[in-house]
Each structure stands twice: as structure tokens, then as C-alpha cells.
Full PDB file with SEQRES, HELIX, SHEET, SSBOND, CRYST1, ORIGX, SCALE, CONECT and MASTER records, all heavy atoms in Angstrom:
SEQRES   1 A   34  SER HIS GLY TRP ASN ASN ASP TRP SER GLY ALA THR SER          
SEQRES   2 A   34  LEU TYR ARG ARG PHE VAL ASP GLU PHE LEU THR VAL ARG          
SEQRES   3 A   34  LYS GLU TYR TRP PRO GLU PRO ASP                              
HELIX    1 AA1 TRP A    8  TYR A   29  1                                  22    
CRYST1    1.000    1.000    1.000  90.00  90.00  90.00 P 1           1          
ORIGX1      1.000000  0.000000  0.000000        0.00000                         
ORIGX2      0.000000  1.000000  0.000000        0.00000                         
ORIGX3      0.000000  0.000000  1.000000        0.00000                         
SCALE1      1.000000  0.000000  0.000000        0.00000                         
SCALE2      0.000000  1.000000  0.000000        0.00000                         
SCALE3      0.000000  0.000000  1.000000        0.00000                         
ATOM      1  N   SER A   1       3.361   2.324  -9.409  1.00  0.00           N  
ATOM      2  CA  SER A   1       4.220   1.661 -10.372  1.00  0.00           C  
ATOM      3  C   SER A   1       5.440   1.085  -9.609  1.00  0.00           C  
ATOM      4  O   SER A   1       6.161   1.785  -8.912  1.00  0.00           O  
ATOM      5  CB  SER A   1       4.703   2.651 -11.432  1.00  0.00           C  
ATOM      6  OG  SER A   1       5.555   1.986 -12.341  1.00  0.00           O  
ATOM      7  N   HIS A   2       5.630  -0.253  -9.797  1.00  0.00           N  
ATOM      8  CA  HIS A   2       6.746  -0.921  -9.071  1.00  0.00           C  
ATOM      9  C   HIS A   2       8.043  -0.730  -9.824  1.00  0.00           C  
ATOM     10  O   HIS A   2       8.093  -0.221 -10.970  1.00  0.00           O  
ATOM     11  CB  HIS A   2       6.372  -2.415  -8.981  1.00  0.00           C  
ATOM     12  CG  HIS A   2       6.303  -3.112 -10.306  1.00  0.00           C  
ATOM     13  ND1 HIS A   2       7.410  -3.574 -11.029  1.00  0.00           N  
ATOM     14  CD2 HIS A   2       5.245  -3.451 -11.101  1.00  0.00           C  
ATOM     15  CE1 HIS A   2       7.042  -4.142 -12.148  1.00  0.00           C  
ATOM     16  NE2 HIS A   2       5.717  -4.090 -12.223  1.00  0.00           N  
ATOM     17  N   GLY A   3       9.107  -1.181  -9.202  1.00  0.00           N  
ATOM     18  CA  GLY A   3      10.452  -1.012  -9.780  1.00  0.00           C  
ATOM     19  C   GLY A   3      10.985  -2.263 -10.445  1.00  0.00           C  
ATOM     20  O   GLY A   3      10.230  -3.175 -10.830  1.00  0.00           O  
ATOM     21  N   TRP A   4      12.299  -2.292 -10.591  1.00  0.00           N  
ATOM     22  CA  TRP A   4      12.953  -3.382 -11.330  1.00  0.00           C  
ATOM     23  C   TRP A   4      12.942  -4.667 -10.521  1.00  0.00           C  
ATOM     24  O   TRP A   4      12.877  -4.669  -9.285  1.00  0.00           O  
ATOM     25  CB  TRP A   4      14.396  -2.966 -11.584  1.00  0.00           C  
ATOM     26  CG  TRP A   4      15.193  -3.844 -12.475  1.00  0.00           C  
ATOM     27  CD1 TRP A   4      14.719  -4.698 -13.422  1.00  0.00           C  
ATOM     28  CD2 TRP A   4      16.614  -3.934 -12.533  1.00  0.00           C  
ATOM     29  NE1 TRP A   4      15.761  -5.347 -14.053  1.00  0.00           N  
ATOM     30  CE2 TRP A   4      16.927  -4.896 -13.547  1.00  0.00           C  
ATOM     31  CE3 TRP A   4      17.650  -3.348 -11.839  1.00  0.00           C  
ATOM     32  CZ2 TRP A   4      18.244  -5.224 -13.872  1.00  0.00           C  
ATOM     33  CZ3 TRP A   4      18.955  -3.676 -12.150  1.00  0.00           C  
ATOM     34  CH2 TRP A   4      19.229  -4.609 -13.160  1.00  0.00           C  
ATOM     35  N   ASN A   5      13.037  -5.789 -11.268  1.00  0.00           N  
ATOM     36  CA  ASN A   5      13.130  -7.127 -10.669  1.00  0.00           C  
ATOM     37  C   ASN A   5      11.908  -7.524  -9.814  1.00  0.00           C  
ATOM     38  O   ASN A   5      12.056  -8.134  -8.750  1.00  0.00           O  
ATOM     39  CB  ASN A   5      14.398  -7.257  -9.773  1.00  0.00           C  
ATOM     40  CG  ASN A   5      15.631  -7.537 -10.601  1.00  0.00           C  
ATOM     41  OD1 ASN A   5      15.558  -7.899 -11.739  1.00  0.00           O  
ATOM     42  ND2 ASN A   5      16.790  -7.346  -9.987  1.00  0.00           N  
ATOM     43  N   ASN A   6      10.741  -7.201 -10.312  1.00  0.00           N  
ATOM     44  CA  ASN A   6       9.502  -7.629  -9.703  1.00  0.00           C  
ATOM     45  C   ASN A   6       8.706  -8.470 -10.661  1.00  0.00           C  
ATOM     46  O   ASN A   6       8.360  -7.976 -11.761  1.00  0.00           O  
ATOM     47  CB  ASN A   6       8.656  -6.429  -9.264  1.00  0.00           C  
ATOM     48  CG  ASN A   6       9.117  -5.828  -7.942  1.00  0.00           C  
ATOM     49  OD1 ASN A   6       8.723  -6.259  -6.850  1.00  0.00           O  
ATOM     50  ND2 ASN A   6       9.959  -4.801  -8.034  1.00  0.00           N  
ATOM     51  N   ASP A   7       8.419  -9.716 -10.268  1.00  0.00           N  
ATOM     52  CA  ASP A   7       7.478 -10.492 -11.077  1.00  0.00           C  
ATOM     53  C   ASP A   7       6.069 -10.159 -10.573  1.00  0.00           C  
ATOM     54  O   ASP A   7       5.863  -9.264  -9.747  1.00  0.00           O  
ATOM     55  CB  ASP A   7       7.765 -11.987 -10.956  1.00  0.00           C  
ATOM     56  CG  ASP A   7       7.736 -12.506  -9.556  1.00  0.00           C  
ATOM     57  OD1 ASP A   7       7.279 -11.765  -8.634  1.00  0.00           O  
ATOM     58  OD2 ASP A   7       8.163 -13.635  -9.308  1.00  0.00           O  
ATOM     59  N   TRP A   8       5.060 -10.861 -11.120  1.00  0.00           N  
ATOM     60  CA  TRP A   8       3.687 -10.566 -10.756  1.00  0.00           C  
ATOM     61  C   TRP A   8       3.444 -10.668  -9.252  1.00  0.00           C  
ATOM     62  O   TRP A   8       2.877  -9.788  -8.615  1.00  0.00           O  
ATOM     63  CB  TRP A   8       2.723 -11.498 -11.499  1.00  0.00           C  
ATOM     64  CG  TRP A   8       1.262 -11.240 -11.222  1.00  0.00           C  
ATOM     65  CD1 TRP A   8       0.514 -11.769 -10.265  1.00  0.00           C  
ATOM     66  CD2 TRP A   8       0.402 -10.353 -11.952  1.00  0.00           C  
ATOM     67  NE1 TRP A   8      -0.780 -11.296 -10.310  1.00  0.00           N  
ATOM     68  CE2 TRP A   8      -0.877 -10.428 -11.370  1.00  0.00           C  
ATOM     69  CE3 TRP A   8       0.589  -9.550 -13.050  1.00  0.00           C  
ATOM     70  CZ2 TRP A   8      -1.946  -9.692 -11.836  1.00  0.00           C  
ATOM     71  CZ3 TRP A   8      -0.493  -8.789 -13.529  1.00  0.00           C  
ATOM     72  CH2 TRP A   8      -1.750  -8.891 -12.909  1.00  0.00           C  
ATOM     73  N   SER A   9       3.970 -11.741  -8.642  1.00  0.00           N  
ATOM     74  CA  SER A   9       3.816 -11.933  -7.215  1.00  0.00           C  
ATOM     75  C   SER A   9       4.510 -10.828  -6.443  1.00  0.00           C  
ATOM     76  O   SER A   9       3.969 -10.300  -5.456  1.00  0.00           O  
ATOM     77  CB  SER A   9       4.360 -13.304  -6.800  1.00  0.00           C  
ATOM     78  OG  SER A   9       4.337 -13.481  -5.426  1.00  0.00           O  
ATOM     79  N   GLY A  10       5.729 -10.452  -6.862  1.00  0.00           N  
ATOM     80  CA  GLY A  10       6.473  -9.440  -6.139  1.00  0.00           C  
ATOM     81  C   GLY A  10       5.814  -8.074  -6.236  1.00  0.00           C  
ATOM     82  O   GLY A  10       5.748  -7.314  -5.254  1.00  0.00           O  
ATOM     83  N   ALA A  11       5.271  -7.746  -7.425  1.00  0.00           N  
ATOM     84  CA  ALA A  11       4.634  -6.462  -7.611  1.00  0.00           C  
ATOM     85  C   ALA A  11       3.350  -6.368  -6.783  1.00  0.00           C  
ATOM     86  O   ALA A  11       3.110  -5.367  -6.101  1.00  0.00           O  
ATOM     87  CB  ALA A  11       4.345  -6.243  -9.083  1.00  0.00           C  
ATOM     88  N   THR A  12       2.518  -7.399  -6.834  1.00  0.00           N  
ATOM     89  CA  THR A  12       1.267  -7.365  -6.111  1.00  0.00           C  
ATOM     90  C   THR A  12       1.509  -7.355  -4.585  1.00  0.00           C  
ATOM     91  O   THR A  12       0.808  -6.680  -3.840  1.00  0.00           O  
ATOM     92  CB  THR A  12       0.378  -8.549  -6.467  1.00  0.00           C  
ATOM     93  OG1 THR A  12       1.080  -9.785  -6.270  1.00  0.00           O  
ATOM     94  CG2 THR A  12      -0.074  -8.456  -7.919  1.00  0.00           C  
ATOM     95  N   SER A  13       2.566  -8.039  -4.173  1.00  0.00           N  
ATOM     96  CA  SER A  13       2.941  -8.059  -2.750  1.00  0.00           C  
ATOM     97  C   SER A  13       3.373  -6.660  -2.308  1.00  0.00           C  
ATOM     98  O   SER A  13       3.004  -6.188  -1.214  1.00  0.00           O  
ATOM     99  CB  SER A  13       4.031  -9.063  -2.510  1.00  0.00           C  
ATOM    100  OG  SER A  13       4.456  -9.042  -1.160  1.00  0.00           O  
ATOM    101  N   LEU A  14       4.175  -5.977  -3.125  1.00  0.00           N  
ATOM    102  CA  LEU A  14       4.595  -4.620  -2.819  1.00  0.00           C  
ATOM    103  C   LEU A  14       3.398  -3.701  -2.675  1.00  0.00           C  
ATOM    104  O   LEU A  14       3.259  -2.930  -1.715  1.00  0.00           O  
ATOM    105  CB  LEU A  14       5.510  -4.097  -3.918  1.00  0.00           C  
ATOM    106  CG  LEU A  14       5.913  -2.634  -3.812  1.00  0.00           C  
ATOM    107  CD1 LEU A  14       6.780  -2.357  -2.592  1.00  0.00           C  
ATOM    108  CD2 LEU A  14       6.619  -2.144  -5.096  1.00  0.00           C  
ATOM    109  N   TYR A  15       2.470  -3.787  -3.625  1.00  0.00           N  
ATOM    110  CA  TYR A  15       1.255  -2.929  -3.554  1.00  0.00           C  
ATOM    111  C   TYR A  15       0.431  -3.289  -2.344  1.00  0.00           C  
ATOM    112  O   TYR A  15      -0.100  -2.402  -1.646  1.00  0.00           O  
ATOM    113  CB  TYR A  15       0.411  -3.124  -4.844  1.00  0.00           C  
ATOM    114  CG  TYR A  15       1.122  -2.671  -6.088  1.00  0.00           C  
ATOM    115  CD1 TYR A  15       0.798  -3.253  -7.314  1.00  0.00           C  
ATOM    116  CD2 TYR A  15       2.061  -1.629  -6.083  1.00  0.00           C  
ATOM    117  CE1 TYR A  15       1.420  -2.831  -8.502  1.00  0.00           C  
ATOM    118  CE2 TYR A  15       2.676  -1.232  -7.245  1.00  0.00           C  
ATOM    119  CZ  TYR A  15       2.372  -1.829  -8.454  1.00  0.00           C  
ATOM    120  OH  TYR A  15       2.944  -1.437  -9.623  1.00  0.00           O  
ATOM    121  N   ARG A  16       0.312  -4.574  -2.042  1.00  0.00           N  
ATOM    122  CA  ARG A  16      -0.472  -5.005  -0.870  1.00  0.00           C  
ATOM    123  C   ARG A  16       0.084  -4.402   0.426  1.00  0.00           C  
ATOM    124  O   ARG A  16      -0.652  -3.872   1.255  1.00  0.00           O  
ATOM    125  CB  ARG A  16      -0.508  -6.527  -0.827  1.00  0.00           C  
ATOM    126  CG  ARG A  16      -1.359  -7.093   0.328  1.00  0.00           C  
ATOM    127  CD  ARG A  16      -1.158  -8.586   0.428  1.00  0.00           C  
ATOM    128  NE  ARG A  16      -1.574  -9.258  -0.781  1.00  0.00           N  
ATOM    129  CZ  ARG A  16      -2.792  -9.753  -0.964  1.00  0.00           C  
ATOM    130  NH1 ARG A  16      -3.718  -9.649  -0.045  1.00  0.00           N  
ATOM    131  NH2 ARG A  16      -3.106 -10.363  -2.096  1.00  0.00           N  
ATOM    132  N   ARG A  17       1.391  -4.510   0.571  1.00  0.00           N  
ATOM    133  CA  ARG A  17       2.030  -4.010   1.811  1.00  0.00           C  
ATOM    134  C   ARG A  17       1.863  -2.474   1.932  1.00  0.00           C  
ATOM    135  O   ARG A  17       1.562  -1.980   2.989  1.00  0.00           O  
ATOM    136  CB  ARG A  17       3.510  -4.359   1.855  1.00  0.00           C  
ATOM    137  CG  ARG A  17       3.749  -5.898   1.941  1.00  0.00           C  
ATOM    138  CD  ARG A  17       5.232  -6.175   2.303  1.00  0.00           C  
ATOM    139  NE  ARG A  17       6.188  -5.496   1.439  1.00  0.00           N  
ATOM    140  CZ  ARG A  17       6.649  -5.984   0.299  1.00  0.00           C  
ATOM    141  NH1 ARG A  17       6.189  -7.170  -0.130  1.00  0.00           N  
ATOM    142  NH2 ARG A  17       7.546  -5.319  -0.383  1.00  0.00           N  
ATOM    143  N   PHE A  18       2.092  -1.812   0.811  1.00  0.00           N  
ATOM    144  CA  PHE A  18       1.996  -0.348   0.880  1.00  0.00           C  
ATOM    145  C   PHE A  18       0.571   0.096   1.173  1.00  0.00           C  
ATOM    146  O   PHE A  18       0.331   1.005   2.003  1.00  0.00           O  
ATOM    147  CB  PHE A  18       2.512   0.284  -0.433  1.00  0.00           C  
ATOM    148  CG  PHE A  18       2.620   1.774  -0.343  1.00  0.00           C  
ATOM    149  CD1 PHE A  18       3.761   2.386   0.119  1.00  0.00           C  
ATOM    150  CD2 PHE A  18       1.552   2.583  -0.690  1.00  0.00           C  
ATOM    151  CE1 PHE A  18       3.865   3.745   0.249  1.00  0.00           C  
ATOM    152  CE2 PHE A  18       1.636   3.966  -0.631  1.00  0.00           C  
ATOM    153  CZ  PHE A  18       2.814   4.564  -0.139  1.00  0.00           C  
ATOM    154  N   VAL A  19      -0.409  -0.487   0.462  1.00  0.00           N  
ATOM    155  CA  VAL A  19      -1.792  -0.108   0.701  1.00  0.00           C  
ATOM    156  C   VAL A  19      -2.205  -0.405   2.119  1.00  0.00           C  
ATOM    157  O   VAL A  19      -2.919   0.350   2.804  1.00  0.00           O  
ATOM    158  CB  VAL A  19      -2.725  -0.818  -0.315  1.00  0.00           C  
ATOM    159  CG1 VAL A  19      -4.157  -0.683   0.073  1.00  0.00           C  
ATOM    160  CG2 VAL A  19      -2.464  -0.272  -1.707  1.00  0.00           C  
ATOM    161  N   ASP A  20      -1.755  -1.567   2.665  1.00  0.00           N  
ATOM    162  CA  ASP A  20      -2.057  -1.911   4.033  1.00  0.00           C  
ATOM    163  C   ASP A  20      -1.532  -0.873   4.993  1.00  0.00           C  
ATOM    164  O   ASP A  20      -2.245  -0.436   5.927  1.00  0.00           O  
ATOM    165  CB  ASP A  20      -1.480  -3.293   4.347  1.00  0.00           C  
ATOM    166  CG  ASP A  20      -1.990  -3.839   5.660  1.00  0.00           C  
ATOM    167  OD1 ASP A  20      -3.140  -4.318   5.708  1.00  0.00           O  
ATOM    168  OD2 ASP A  20      -1.227  -3.787   6.659  1.00  0.00           O  
ATOM    169  N   GLU A  21      -0.308  -0.420   4.783  1.00  0.00           N  
ATOM    170  CA  GLU A  21       0.279   0.611   5.637  1.00  0.00           C  
ATOM    171  C   GLU A  21      -0.500   1.914   5.510  1.00  0.00           C  
ATOM    172  O   GLU A  21      -0.776   2.608   6.500  1.00  0.00           O  
ATOM    173  CB  GLU A  21       1.742   0.835   5.270  1.00  0.00           C  
ATOM    174  CG  GLU A  21       2.661  -0.345   5.549  1.00  0.00           C  
ATOM    175  CD  GLU A  21       2.964  -0.565   7.044  1.00  0.00           C  
ATOM    176  OE1 GLU A  21       2.440   0.216   7.871  1.00  0.00           O  
ATOM    177  OE2 GLU A  21       3.733  -1.480   7.364  1.00  0.00           O  
ATOM    178  N   PHE A  22      -0.875   2.250   4.273  1.00  0.00           N  
ATOM    179  CA  PHE A  22      -1.574   3.499   4.044  1.00  0.00           C  
ATOM    180  C   PHE A  22      -2.946   3.523   4.742  1.00  0.00           C  
ATOM    181  O   PHE A  22      -3.327   4.515   5.391  1.00  0.00           O  
ATOM    182  CB  PHE A  22      -1.754   3.774   2.534  1.00  0.00           C  
ATOM    183  CG  PHE A  22      -2.523   5.001   2.233  1.00  0.00           C  
ATOM    184  CD1 PHE A  22      -1.949   6.264   2.412  1.00  0.00           C  
ATOM    185  CD2 PHE A  22      -3.828   4.954   1.777  1.00  0.00           C  
ATOM    186  CE1 PHE A  22      -2.672   7.410   2.112  1.00  0.00           C  
ATOM    187  CE2 PHE A  22      -4.547   6.085   1.479  1.00  0.00           C  
ATOM    188  CZ  PHE A  22      -3.964   7.318   1.656  1.00  0.00           C  
ATOM    189  N   LEU A  23      -3.678   2.439   4.620  1.00  0.00           N  
ATOM    190  CA  LEU A  23      -5.015   2.379   5.242  1.00  0.00           C  
ATOM    191  C   LEU A  23      -4.926   2.393   6.750  1.00  0.00           C  
ATOM    192  O   LEU A  23      -5.802   2.954   7.442  1.00  0.00           O  
ATOM    193  CB  LEU A  23      -5.777   1.148   4.737  1.00  0.00           C  
ATOM    194  CG  LEU A  23      -6.130   1.186   3.252  1.00  0.00           C  
ATOM    195  CD1 LEU A  23      -6.901  -0.094   2.886  1.00  0.00           C  
ATOM    196  CD2 LEU A  23      -6.935   2.413   2.879  1.00  0.00           C  
ATOM    197  N   THR A  24      -3.879   1.803   7.272  1.00  0.00           N  
ATOM    198  CA  THR A  24      -3.684   1.827   8.726  1.00  0.00           C  
ATOM    199  C   THR A  24      -3.422   3.244   9.211  1.00  0.00           C  
ATOM    200  O   THR A  24      -3.984   3.695  10.222  1.00  0.00           O  
ATOM    201  CB  THR A  24      -2.508   0.909   9.109  1.00  0.00           C  
ATOM    202  OG1 THR A  24      -2.808  -0.445   8.749  1.00  0.00           O  
ATOM    203  CG2 THR A  24      -2.262   0.956  10.618  1.00  0.00           C  
ATOM    204  N   VAL A  25      -2.567   3.957   8.507  1.00  0.00           N  
ATOM    205  CA  VAL A  25      -2.253   5.347   8.869  1.00  0.00           C  
ATOM    206  C   VAL A  25      -3.506   6.238   8.667  1.00  0.00           C  
ATOM    207  O   VAL A  25      -3.822   7.097   9.497  1.00  0.00           O  
ATOM    208  CB  VAL A  25      -1.081   5.857   8.032  1.00  0.00           C  
ATOM    209  CG1 VAL A  25      -0.924   7.375   8.185  1.00  0.00           C  
ATOM    210  CG2 VAL A  25       0.208   5.145   8.440  1.00  0.00           C  
ATOM    211  N   ARG A  26      -4.222   6.013   7.561  1.00  0.00           N  
ATOM    212  CA  ARG A  26      -5.440   6.803   7.330  1.00  0.00           C  
ATOM    213  C   ARG A  26      -6.455   6.593   8.413  1.00  0.00           C  
ATOM    214  O   ARG A  26      -7.135   7.530   8.858  1.00  0.00           O  
ATOM    215  CB  ARG A  26      -6.036   6.416   5.971  1.00  0.00           C  
ATOM    216  CG  ARG A  26      -6.797   7.542   5.313  1.00  0.00           C  
ATOM    217  CD  ARG A  26      -7.951   7.061   4.479  1.00  0.00           C  
ATOM    218  NE  ARG A  26      -9.140   7.012   5.273  1.00  0.00           N  
ATOM    219  CZ  ARG A  26     -10.324   6.566   4.842  1.00  0.00           C  
ATOM    220  NH1 ARG A  26     -10.404   6.047   3.617  1.00  0.00           N  
ATOM    221  NH2 ARG A  26     -11.392   6.531   5.625  1.00  0.00           N  
ATOM    222  N   LYS A  27      -6.629   5.355   8.854  1.00  0.00           N  
ATOM    223  CA  LYS A  27      -7.597   5.041   9.922  1.00  0.00           C  
ATOM    224  C   LYS A  27      -7.275   5.848  11.192  1.00  0.00           C  
ATOM    225  O   LYS A  27      -8.217   6.345  11.891  1.00  0.00           O  
ATOM    226  CB  LYS A  27      -7.592   3.573  10.239  1.00  0.00           C  
ATOM    227  CG  LYS A  27      -8.505   3.177  11.372  1.00  0.00           C  
ATOM    228  CD  LYS A  27      -8.340   1.692  11.746  1.00  0.00           C  
ATOM    229  CE  LYS A  27      -9.192   1.321  12.944  1.00  0.00           C  
ATOM    230  NZ  LYS A  27      -8.987  -0.100  13.319  1.00  0.00           N  
ATOM    231  N   GLU A  28      -6.001   5.968  11.495  1.00  0.00           N  
ATOM    232  CA  GLU A  28      -5.626   6.644  12.734  1.00  0.00           C  
ATOM    233  C   GLU A  28      -5.648   8.164  12.648  1.00  0.00           C  
ATOM    234  O   GLU A  28      -6.065   8.874  13.592  1.00  0.00           O  
ATOM    235  CB  GLU A  28      -4.240   6.195  13.173  1.00  0.00           C  
ATOM    236  CG  GLU A  28      -3.814   6.789  14.519  1.00  0.00           C  
ATOM    237  CD  GLU A  28      -2.552   6.145  15.068  1.00  0.00           C  
ATOM    238  OE1 GLU A  28      -2.019   5.211  14.419  1.00  0.00           O  
ATOM    239  OE2 GLU A  28      -2.098   6.572  16.149  1.00  0.00           O  
ATOM    240  N   TYR A  29      -5.240   8.708  11.476  1.00  0.00           N  
ATOM    241  CA  TYR A  29      -5.038  10.149  11.388  1.00  0.00           C  
ATOM    242  C   TYR A  29      -6.022  10.884  10.435  1.00  0.00           C  
ATOM    243  O   TYR A  29      -6.060  12.143  10.440  1.00  0.00           O  
ATOM    244  CB  TYR A  29      -3.598  10.444  10.927  1.00  0.00           C  
ATOM    245  CG  TYR A  29      -2.591   9.959  11.911  1.00  0.00           C  
ATOM    246  CD1 TYR A  29      -1.831   8.829  11.651  1.00  0.00           C  
ATOM    247  CD2 TYR A  29      -2.373  10.582  13.110  1.00  0.00           C  
ATOM    248  CE1 TYR A  29      -0.897   8.346  12.564  1.00  0.00           C  
ATOM    249  CE2 TYR A  29      -1.454  10.140  14.071  1.00  0.00           C  
ATOM    250  CZ  TYR A  29      -0.716   9.005  13.748  1.00  0.00           C  
ATOM    251  OH  TYR A  29       0.210   8.531  14.662  1.00  0.00           O  
ATOM    252  N   TRP A  30      -6.807  10.142   9.709  1.00  0.00           N  
ATOM    253  CA  TRP A  30      -7.813  10.776   8.801  1.00  0.00           C  
ATOM    254  C   TRP A  30      -9.001   9.850   8.670  1.00  0.00           C  
ATOM    255  O   TRP A  30      -9.442   9.471   7.589  1.00  0.00           O  
ATOM    256  CB  TRP A  30      -7.174  11.017   7.440  1.00  0.00           C  
ATOM    257  CG  TRP A  30      -7.797  12.113   6.625  1.00  0.00           C  
ATOM    258  CD1 TRP A  30      -8.202  13.348   7.041  1.00  0.00           C  
ATOM    259  CD2 TRP A  30      -8.076  12.076   5.206  1.00  0.00           C  
ATOM    260  NE1 TRP A  30      -8.715  14.102   6.005  1.00  0.00           N  
ATOM    261  CE2 TRP A  30      -8.627  13.341   4.866  1.00  0.00           C  
ATOM    262  CE3 TRP A  30      -7.875  11.113   4.221  1.00  0.00           C  
ATOM    263  CZ2 TRP A  30      -8.999  13.660   3.544  1.00  0.00           C  
ATOM    264  CZ3 TRP A  30      -8.243  11.435   2.895  1.00  0.00           C  
ATOM    265  CH2 TRP A  30      -8.814  12.664   2.561  1.00  0.00           C  
ATOM    266  N   PRO A  31      -9.584   9.442   9.835  1.00  0.00           N  
ATOM    267  CA  PRO A  31     -10.656   8.454   9.798  1.00  0.00           C  
ATOM    268  C   PRO A  31     -11.932   8.959   9.134  1.00  0.00           C  
ATOM    269  O   PRO A  31     -12.669   8.198   8.562  1.00  0.00           O  
ATOM    270  CB  PRO A  31     -10.890   8.131  11.269  1.00  0.00           C  
ATOM    271  CG  PRO A  31     -10.409   9.337  11.999  1.00  0.00           C  
ATOM    272  CD  PRO A  31      -9.249   9.875  11.194  1.00  0.00           C  
ATOM    273  N   GLU A  32     -12.155  10.253   9.279  1.00  0.00           N  
ATOM    274  CA  GLU A  32     -13.352  10.860   8.683  1.00  0.00           C  
ATOM    275  C   GLU A  32     -12.840  12.002   7.790  1.00  0.00           C  
ATOM    276  O   GLU A  32     -12.664  13.136   8.270  1.00  0.00           O  
ATOM    277  CB  GLU A  32     -14.321  11.377   9.742  1.00  0.00           C  
ATOM    278  CG  GLU A  32     -14.900  10.268  10.596  1.00  0.00           C  
ATOM    279  CD  GLU A  32     -15.870  10.786  11.623  1.00  0.00           C  
ATOM    280  OE1 GLU A  32     -16.191  11.979  11.592  1.00  0.00           O  
ATOM    281  OE2 GLU A  32     -16.346   9.957  12.456  1.00  0.00           O  
ATOM    282  N   PRO A  33     -12.631  11.754   6.498  1.00  0.00           N  
ATOM    283  CA  PRO A  33     -12.122  12.797   5.600  1.00  0.00           C  
ATOM    284  C   PRO A  33     -12.961  14.060   5.645  1.00  0.00           C  
ATOM    285  O   PRO A  33     -14.184  14.015   5.753  1.00  0.00           O  
ATOM    286  CB  PRO A  33     -12.202  12.112   4.239  1.00  0.00           C  
ATOM    287  CG  PRO A  33     -12.053  10.683   4.546  1.00  0.00           C  
ATOM    288  CD  PRO A  33     -12.822  10.471   5.828  1.00  0.00           C  
ATOM    289  N   ASP A  34     -12.281  15.189   5.555  1.00  0.00           N  
ATOM    290  CA  ASP A  34     -12.963  16.471   5.627  1.00  0.00           C  
ATOM    291  C   ASP A  34     -13.346  16.997   4.227  1.00  0.00           C  
ATOM    292  O   ASP A  34     -13.628  18.180   4.075  1.00  0.00           O  
ATOM    293  CB  ASP A  34     -12.072  17.492   6.326  1.00  0.00           C  
ATOM    294  CG  ASP A  34     -10.669  17.603   5.706  1.00  0.00           C  
ATOM    295  OD1 ASP A  34     -10.422  16.896   4.699  1.00  0.00           O  
ATOM    296  OD2 ASP A  34      -9.817  18.330   6.276  1.00  0.00           O  
TER     297      ASP A  34                                                      
MASTER        0    0    0    1    0    0    0    6  296    1    0    3          
END                                                                             
């Protein structure tokens, strides 16, 4: 859930950046879930 002052583009961009960071970290530290 995004915060204040986000239009559709801003909200989707926020989610895109966060998910990108999360998948990058997951690839390095949890590549094969246990």
C-alpha cells in the first residue's frame, strides 16, 4: 500500500522499484527457498 501524493504512475513506480530491489536481494541470499 502506497502513501500520500501518489498518482497511478507514482504508485506503480514505487511498487516496481521495491519489487525489483526485493527480487535482487532474494536472488543473492535466498535463491533456493527452503
